[in-house]
Structures are given as C-alpha cells and as structure tokens.
C-alpha atoms as a PDB file:
ATOM      1  CA  UNK A   1     -75.323 -73.838   7.056  1.00  0.00           C
ATOM      2  CA  UNK A   2     -71.883 -75.333   6.441  1.00  0.00           C
ATOM      3  CA  UNK A   3     -72.266 -77.214   9.737  1.00  0.00           C
ATOM      4  CA  UNK A   4     -75.563 -78.666   8.517  1.00  0.00           C
ATOM      5  CA  UNK A   5     -73.982 -79.651   5.190  1.00  0.00           C
ATOM      6  CA  UNK A   6     -71.093 -81.314   7.035  1.00  0.00           C
ATOM      7  CA  UNK A   7     -73.564 -83.155   9.252  1.00  0.00           C
ATOM      8  CA  UNK A   8     -75.577 -84.413   6.271  1.00  0.00           C
ATOM      9  CA  UNK A   9     -72.497 -85.514   4.380  1.00  0.00           C
ATOM     10  CA  UNK A  10     -71.161 -87.268   7.473  1.00  0.00           C
ATOM     11  CA  UNK A  11     -74.376 -89.248   7.900  1.00  0.00           C
ATOM     12  CA  UNK A  12     -74.184 -91.093   4.629  1.00  0.00           C
ATOM     13  CA  UNK A  13     -70.453 -91.378   4.165  1.00  0.00           C
ATOM     14  CA  UNK A  14     -69.549 -92.921   7.520  1.00  0.00           C
ATOM     15  CA  UNK A  15     -72.656 -94.600   8.927  1.00  0.00           C
ATOM     16  CA  UNK A  16     -72.688 -98.293   8.196  1.00  0.00           C
ATOM     17  CA  UNK A  17     -69.197 -98.604   6.728  1.00  0.00           C
ATOM     18  CA  UNK A  18     -67.057-101.285   8.358  1.00  0.00           C
ATOM     19  CA  UNK A  19     -65.190-100.040  11.419  1.00  0.00           C
ATOM     20  CA  UNK A  20     -66.584 -96.508  11.223  1.00  0.00           C
ATOM     21  CA  UNK A  21     -69.113 -94.808  13.459  1.00  0.00           C
ATOM     22  CA  UNK A  22     -71.087 -91.648  12.977  1.00  0.00           C
ATOM     23  CA  UNK A  23     -69.772 -88.742  15.061  1.00  0.00           C
ATOM     24  CA  UNK A  24     -71.934 -87.701  18.003  1.00  0.00           C
ATOM     25  CA  UNK A  25     -74.387 -84.952  17.168  1.00  0.00           C
ATOM     26  CA  UNK A  26     -73.681 -81.632  18.808  1.00  0.00           C
ATOM     27  CA  UNK A  27     -75.566 -78.433  18.142  1.00  0.00           C
ATOM     28  CA  UNK A  28     -73.607 -75.984  15.960  1.00  0.00           C
ATOM     29  CA  UNK A  29     -73.164 -72.496  17.357  1.00  0.00           C
ATOM     30  CA  UNK A  30     -74.860 -69.336  16.088  1.00  0.00           C
ATOM     31  CA  UNK A  31     -77.606 -70.604  13.792  1.00  0.00           C
ATOM     32  CA  UNK A  32     -80.354 -68.321  12.536  1.00  0.00           C
ATOM     33  CA  UNK A  33     -83.925 -69.403  13.212  1.00  0.00           C
ATOM     34  CA  UNK A  34     -84.379 -71.130   9.833  1.00  0.00           C
ATOM     35  CA  UNK A  35     -81.110 -73.051  10.201  1.00  0.00           C
ATOM     36  CA  UNK A  36     -82.084 -73.977  13.760  1.00  0.00           C
ATOM     37  CA  UNK A  37     -85.359 -75.475  12.515  1.00  0.00           C
ATOM     38  CA  UNK A  38     -83.575 -77.345   9.723  1.00  0.00           C
ATOM     39  CA  UNK A  39     -81.040 -78.651  12.224  1.00  0.00           C
ATOM     40  CA  UNK A  40     -83.852 -79.862  14.497  1.00  0.00           C
ATOM     41  CA  UNK A  41     -85.263 -81.908  11.609  1.00  0.00           C
ATOM     42  CA  UNK A  42     -82.000 -83.522  10.552  1.00  0.00           C
ATOM     43  CA  UNK A  43     -80.865 -84.242  14.096  1.00  0.00           C
ATOM     44  CA  UNK A  44     -84.164 -85.741  15.283  1.00  0.00           C
ATOM     45  CA  UNK A  45     -84.051 -89.364  16.494  1.00  0.00           C
ATOM     46  CA  UNK A  46     -86.361 -90.461  13.664  1.00  0.00           C
ATOM     47  CA  UNK A  47     -84.122 -88.902  11.014  1.00  0.00           C
ATOM     48  CA  UNK A  48     -80.940 -90.279  12.607  1.00  0.00           C
ATOM     49  CA  UNK A  49     -82.545 -93.729  12.662  1.00  0.00           C
ATOM     50  CA  UNK A  50     -83.488 -93.388   8.985  1.00  0.00           C
ATOM     51  CA  UNK A  51     -79.858 -92.595   8.105  1.00  0.00           C
ATOM     52  CA  UNK A  52     -78.408 -95.407  10.268  1.00  0.00           C
ATOM     53  CA  UNK A  53     -77.159 -97.950   7.740  1.00  0.00           C
ATOM     54  CA  UNK A  54     -76.005-100.303  10.505  1.00  0.00           C
ATOM     55  CA  UNK A  55     -79.688-101.342  10.851  1.00  0.00           C
ATOM     56  CA  UNK A  56     -79.543-103.000   7.424  1.00  0.00           C
ATOM     57  CA  UNK A  57     -78.682-106.717   7.262  1.00  0.00           C
ATOM     58  CA  UNK A  58     -75.064-107.342   6.260  1.00  0.00           C
ATOM     59  CA  UNK A  59     -76.256-109.183   3.142  1.00  0.00           C
ATOM     60  CA  UNK A  60     -78.159-106.088   1.985  1.00  0.00           C
ATOM     61  CA  UNK A  61     -75.179-103.821   2.662  1.00  0.00           C
ATOM     62  CA  UNK A  62     -72.884-106.220   0.799  1.00  0.00           C
ATOM     63  CA  UNK A  63     -75.249-106.269  -2.168  1.00  0.00           C
ATOM     64  CA  UNK A  64     -74.783-102.510  -2.649  1.00  0.00           C
ATOM     65  CA  UNK A  65     -71.014-102.615  -2.009  1.00  0.00           C
ATOM     66  CA  UNK A  66     -68.922-101.512   0.969  1.00  0.00           C
ATOM     67  CA  UNK A  67     -67.721 -98.322  -0.732  1.00  0.00           C
ATOM     68  CA  UNK A  68     -69.040 -94.778  -0.513  1.00  0.00           C
ATOM     69  CA  UNK A  69     -71.061 -94.922  -3.727  1.00  0.00           C
ATOM     70  CA  UNK A  70     -72.644 -98.279  -2.871  1.00  0.00           C
ATOM     71  CA  UNK A  71     -73.523 -97.157   0.635  1.00  0.00           C
ATOM     72  CA  UNK A  72     -74.999 -93.926  -0.779  1.00  0.00           C
ATOM     73  CA  UNK A  73     -77.252 -96.044  -3.005  1.00  0.00           C
ATOM     74  CA  UNK A  74     -78.210 -98.187  -0.002  1.00  0.00           C
ATOM     75  CA  UNK A  75     -79.105 -95.013   1.895  1.00  0.00           C
ATOM     76  CA  UNK A  76     -81.260 -93.802  -1.004  1.00  0.00           C
ATOM     77  CA  UNK A  77     -83.048 -97.161  -1.112  1.00  0.00           C
ATOM     78  CA  UNK A  78     -83.478 -97.091   2.676  1.00  0.00           C
ATOM     79  CA  UNK A  79     -84.954 -93.582   2.656  1.00  0.00           C
ATOM     80  CA  UNK A  80     -87.415 -94.265  -0.156  1.00  0.00           C
ATOM     81  CA  UNK A  81     -88.218 -97.919   0.706  1.00  0.00           C
ATOM     82  CA  UNK A  82     -90.208 -98.554  -2.475  1.00  0.00           C
ATOM     83  CA  UNK A  83     -91.673-102.045  -2.593  1.00  0.00           C
ATOM     84  CA  UNK A  84     -89.782-104.192  -5.117  1.00  0.00           C
ATOM     85  CA  UNK A  85     -91.365-104.804  -8.499  1.00  0.00           C
ATOM     86  CA  UNK A  86     -93.862-101.995  -8.085  1.00  0.00           C
ATOM     87  CA  UNK A  87     -94.814 -99.765 -11.015  1.00  0.00           C
ATOM     88  CA  UNK A  88     -97.077 -96.783 -10.427  1.00  0.00           C
ATOM     89  CA  UNK A  89     -98.974 -94.973 -13.149  1.00  0.00           C
ATOM     90  CA  UNK A  90     -99.877 -95.805 -16.707  1.00  0.00           C
ATOM     91  CA  UNK A  91     -98.686 -95.063 -20.242  1.00  0.00           C
ATOM     92  CA  UNK A  92    -100.181 -95.515 -23.680  1.00  0.00           C
ATOM     93  CA  UNK A  93     -99.780 -98.802 -25.567  1.00  0.00           C
ATOM     94  CA  UNK A  94     -96.252 -97.961 -26.767  1.00  0.00           C
ATOM     95  CA  UNK A  95     -95.106 -96.317 -23.488  1.00  0.00           C
ATOM     96  CA  UNK A  96     -94.474 -92.973 -25.171  1.00  0.00           C
ATOM     97  CA  UNK A  97     -97.018 -90.838 -23.279  1.00  0.00           C
ATOM     98  CA  UNK A  98     -98.296 -90.739 -19.732  1.00  0.00           C
ATOM     99  CA  UNK A  99    -101.976 -91.577 -19.402  1.00  0.00           C
ATOM    100  CA  UNK A 100    -102.542 -90.546 -15.795  1.00  0.00           C
ATOM    101  CA  UNK A 101    -100.434 -87.381 -15.434  1.00  0.00           C
ATOM    102  CA  UNK A 102     -97.515 -88.908 -13.520  1.00  0.00           C
ATOM    103  CA  UNK A 103     -95.720 -87.460 -10.519  1.00  0.00           C
ATOM    104  CA  UNK A 104     -93.584 -84.374 -10.028  1.00  0.00           C
ATOM    105  CA  UNK A 105     -90.208 -83.946  -8.312  1.00  0.00           C
ATOM    106  CA  UNK A 106     -92.168 -82.212  -5.522  1.00  0.00           C
ATOM    107  CA  UNK A 107     -94.271 -85.371  -5.124  1.00  0.00           C
ATOM    108  CA  UNK A 108     -91.066 -87.390  -4.773  1.00  0.00           C
ATOM    109  CA  UNK A 109     -89.706 -84.931  -2.173  1.00  0.00           C
ATOM    110  CA  UNK A 110     -93.006 -85.060  -0.266  1.00  0.00           C
ATOM    111  CA  UNK A 111     -92.808 -88.871  -0.320  1.00  0.00           C
ATOM    112  CA  UNK A 112     -89.279 -88.754   1.097  1.00  0.00           C
ATOM    113  CA  UNK A 113     -90.283 -86.509   4.009  1.00  0.00           C
ATOM    114  CA  UNK A 114     -93.466 -88.510   4.649  1.00  0.00           C
ATOM    115  CA  UNK A 115     -91.419 -91.719   4.759  1.00  0.00           C
ATOM    116  CA  UNK A 116     -89.156 -90.387   7.517  1.00  0.00           C
ATOM    117  CA  UNK A 117     -92.082 -89.033   9.517  1.00  0.00           C
ATOM    118  CA  UNK A 118     -91.882 -85.345   8.630  1.00  0.00           C
ATOM    119  CA  UNK A 119     -94.990 -83.550   7.377  1.00  0.00           C
ATOM    120  CA  UNK A 120     -93.976 -82.218   3.934  1.00  0.00           C
ATOM    121  CA  UNK A 121     -96.200 -79.167   4.476  1.00  0.00           C
ATOM    122  CA  UNK A 122     -94.182 -78.109   7.546  1.00  0.00           C
ATOM    123  CA  UNK A 123     -93.559 -74.372   7.402  1.00  0.00           C
ATOM    124  CA  UNK A 124     -90.460 -72.604   8.694  1.00  0.00           C
ATOM    125  CA  UNK A 125     -89.565 -68.951   8.977  1.00  0.00           C
ATOM    126  CA  UNK A 126     -86.447 -67.832   7.135  1.00  0.00           C
ATOM    127  CA  UNK A 127     -84.096 -65.493   8.978  1.00  0.00           C
ATOM    128  CA  UNK A 128     -85.883 -62.555   7.330  1.00  0.00           C
ATOM    129  CA  UNK A 129     -89.265 -63.782   8.584  1.00  0.00           C
ATOM    130  CA  UNK A 130     -90.475 -65.128   5.236  1.00  0.00           C
ATOM    131  CA  UNK A 131     -92.432 -68.425   5.467  1.00  0.00           C
ATOM    132  CA  UNK A 132     -90.776 -71.380   3.716  1.00  0.00           C
ATOM    133  CA  UNK A 133     -92.659 -74.650   3.210  1.00  0.00           C
ATOM    134  CA  UNK A 134     -90.632 -77.870   2.959  1.00  0.00           C
ATOM    135  CA  UNK A 135     -92.593 -79.032  -0.102  1.00  0.00           C
ATOM    136  CA  UNK A 136     -94.981 -76.423  -1.409  1.00  0.00           C
ATOM    137  CA  UNK A 137     -96.654 -78.123  -4.375  1.00  0.00           C
ATOM    138  CA  UNK A 138     -96.103 -81.859  -3.923  1.00  0.00           C
ATOM    139  CA  UNK A 139     -97.984 -84.589  -2.107  1.00  0.00           C
ATOM    140  CA  UNK A 140     -96.737 -88.013  -0.994  1.00  0.00           C
ATOM    141  CA  UNK A 141     -97.190 -90.674  -3.651  1.00  0.00           C
ATOM    142  CA  UNK A 142     -99.731 -92.762  -1.707  1.00  0.00           C
ATOM    143  CA  UNK A 143     -99.313 -96.085  -3.594  1.00  0.00           C
ATOM    144  CA  UNK A 144     -95.713 -96.173  -2.322  1.00  0.00           C
ATOM    145  CA  UNK A 145     -96.956 -96.562   1.232  1.00  0.00           C
END
C-alpha cells in the first residue's frame, strides 16, 4: 500500500507543475488482491487523465498558483468539476436548518468516483476475502452532473 500512496501523492504534486512530468506508471511488486484492484483503478487511463493537470489551460493553472497547494486545489476542482455558481439544496428562511435533508460525505465520495467514470458501488475483495464496497451508503449527487 505504500507504493499506492506514493503513486497517489506523485500524481498531484508533480503533474502540471512547470518543467516536471509525472513518472511512468509501473506495477508495484507483491500486492494482495485488494491492493491489486485498487491499483488497477488508480492506474487506469481514465483516472490518469483525470489527474493530468497539463490538460488545464495555463490561465486556469495560473489562477490557482504554480505551487503545490495551488495545484492541489486545481486538482480538487478538476476532479469534482462543479458548475460555477451552482447551489444545491434548500434551507429555511434564515439558513439555519436544512429543508431537504442535504448530502452526506458518502454522497460526495460517490460523486467523485462517478465523475471519473468509476461505479461507486464497485465491490472488491479484501485480502481476507471480505467484500469491500467503494462507497457503501452514498449516491452521486445528480444535480452536479
């Protein structure tokens, strides 16, 4: 799993920064089945494309800043791709209580996976054979798409 963590960290800290390129992806050795499935997700062409900040216009990259924190924010914006000026849901007249129930962190996670083309209900088997669902209780927030 440390190889996967290194891969994920390398995606957002080097991709898109001036003069730096993402390292080529090579399969880590000796992964258990669960880690192998996770690696297949994060190394898929669709996921790599989603993390490729060089696809953003230079003006957009400049707006966030050419430093690690700014590029991390750009990556977050790129992965979520929420339409500007959009508010979803409703509150009471003084904005102190939700009227429509709102959304959960699981809904946000499901939206993230949906946005990069991964079914949030995808099920994997942990190395002990236990089923693990990417997002068990959430659903993509449809008005975002």
